[in-house]
């Protein structure tokens, strides 16, 4: 019985460590093919800084489930994307069209 308890404790510790080490979307990301910077804040606000003299756009973000991000724009529209963080890369995939957008982390918020 004691061996089972230790095994369960080790498994729980490993699960907690894995959850804590998961990369966070919080910070700023430069779109790899467009002059756009996405910034995701801890308070679930986001901004899109679009280059070429266009205004900054903002809204809120939520993680609908693990790996699904919903961006709710201030104009009332929203977009749902699968996302994955791989090192300094953020990859958005549209579940509808399958189109992929790649971004590179430029600033990590503490």
Protein backbone atom coordinates (compact mmCIF):
# COMPACT_ATOMS: atom_id res chain seq x y z
CA UNK A 1 0.00 0.00 0.00
CA UNK A 2 2.83 2.38 0.84
CA UNK A 3 4.44 1.69 -2.56
CA UNK A 4 1.17 2.57 -4.31
CA UNK A 5 0.95 5.82 -2.33
CA UNK A 6 4.49 6.81 -3.33
CA UNK A 7 3.78 5.97 -6.96
CA UNK A 8 0.64 8.14 -6.96
CA UNK A 9 2.55 10.98 -5.30
CA UNK A 10 5.26 10.83 -7.97
CA UNK A 11 2.67 10.81 -10.78
CA UNK A 12 0.82 13.78 -9.24
CA UNK A 13 4.10 15.69 -8.83
CA UNK A 14 5.06 15.06 -12.46
CA UNK A 15 1.63 16.21 -13.65
CA UNK A 16 1.91 19.41 -11.60
CA UNK A 17 5.40 20.07 -12.91
CA UNK A 18 4.23 19.59 -16.51
CA UNK A 19 1.31 21.97 -15.99
CA UNK A 20 3.53 24.63 -14.45
CA UNK A 21 6.13 24.39 -17.20
CA UNK A 22 3.61 24.86 -20.02
CA UNK A 23 4.53 27.84 -22.16
CA UNK A 24 2.32 30.89 -21.70
CA UNK A 25 0.84 32.99 -24.49
CA UNK A 26 1.33 36.09 -22.30
CA UNK A 27 3.66 38.55 -24.02
CA UNK A 28 4.20 40.04 -27.50
CA UNK A 29 4.43 38.13 -30.77
CA UNK A 30 5.48 39.39 -34.22
CA UNK A 31 3.55 37.89 -37.13
CA UNK A 32 6.11 36.23 -39.44
CA UNK A 33 4.49 37.39 -42.71
CA UNK A 34 2.77 40.66 -41.81
CA UNK A 35 3.64 43.85 -40.00
CA UNK A 36 1.42 42.96 -37.01
CA UNK A 37 2.33 42.55 -33.34
CA UNK A 38 -0.05 40.64 -31.07
CA UNK A 39 0.24 41.36 -27.33
CA UNK A 40 -1.59 39.10 -24.87
CA UNK A 41 -1.92 40.37 -21.27
CA UNK A 42 -2.52 38.45 -18.04
CA UNK A 43 -5.89 40.21 -17.59
CA UNK A 44 -7.09 38.53 -20.82
CA UNK A 45 -6.85 41.74 -22.84
CA UNK A 46 -5.03 41.74 -26.16
CA UNK A 47 -3.89 44.35 -28.65
CA UNK A 48 -3.03 44.14 -32.32
CA UNK A 49 -0.51 46.75 -33.39
CA UNK A 50 -0.90 46.92 -37.14
CA UNK A 51 1.90 48.70 -38.95
CA UNK A 52 1.64 51.05 -41.92
CA UNK A 53 -0.15 53.78 -39.96
CA UNK A 54 -3.26 51.79 -39.09
CA UNK A 55 -4.87 52.13 -35.66
CA UNK A 56 -4.22 49.69 -32.86
CA UNK A 57 -7.01 47.16 -32.31
CA UNK A 58 -7.91 45.49 -29.04
CA UNK A 59 -10.22 43.08 -27.32
CA UNK A 60 -10.18 40.15 -24.96
CA UNK A 61 -8.90 36.59 -25.26
CA UNK A 62 -10.01 33.38 -23.58
CA UNK A 63 -8.81 29.83 -23.75
CA UNK A 64 -11.95 27.87 -24.56
CA UNK A 65 -10.25 24.55 -23.92
CA UNK A 66 -6.67 23.39 -23.99
CA UNK A 67 -5.22 24.59 -27.29
CA UNK A 68 -8.27 26.62 -28.46
CA UNK A 69 -8.04 30.41 -28.27
CA UNK A 70 -10.96 32.80 -28.81
CA UNK A 71 -10.20 36.45 -29.64
CA UNK A 72 -13.17 38.76 -29.05
CA UNK A 73 -12.52 42.04 -30.86
CA UNK A 74 -13.79 45.40 -29.64
CA UNK A 75 -15.97 45.71 -32.77
CA UNK A 76 -18.02 42.67 -31.70
CA UNK A 77 -16.44 40.08 -34.00
CA UNK A 78 -14.57 37.08 -32.71
CA UNK A 79 -12.25 34.44 -34.08
CA UNK A 80 -11.55 30.96 -32.80
CA UNK A 81 -8.18 29.33 -33.49
CA UNK A 82 -6.23 26.32 -32.47
CA UNK A 83 -2.87 27.42 -31.11
CA UNK A 84 0.40 25.85 -30.17
CA UNK A 85 3.54 27.30 -28.61
CA UNK A 86 6.79 25.71 -29.68
CA UNK A 87 9.71 27.52 -28.05
CA UNK A 88 9.60 31.08 -29.38
CA UNK A 89 7.00 30.22 -32.03
CA UNK A 90 3.24 30.72 -31.72
CA UNK A 91 1.25 28.87 -34.36
CA UNK A 92 -2.43 29.70 -35.01
CA UNK A 93 -4.47 27.30 -37.14
CA UNK A 94 -7.97 28.15 -38.31
CA UNK A 95 -10.29 25.19 -37.63
CA UNK A 96 -12.50 26.33 -40.53
CA UNK A 97 -10.01 26.90 -43.34
CA UNK A 98 -6.90 25.17 -42.03
CA UNK A 99 -4.84 28.29 -42.71
CA UNK A 100 -1.78 28.65 -40.50
CA UNK A 101 -0.27 31.85 -39.07
CA UNK A 102 3.19 31.78 -37.48
CA UNK A 103 4.46 34.33 -34.98
CA UNK A 104 7.72 34.79 -33.13
CA UNK A 105 7.91 35.86 -29.48
CA UNK A 106 9.50 39.30 -29.19
CA UNK A 107 8.76 40.03 -25.54
CA UNK A 108 7.83 37.77 -22.67
CA UNK A 109 5.96 39.40 -19.80
CA UNK A 110 7.01 38.42 -16.29
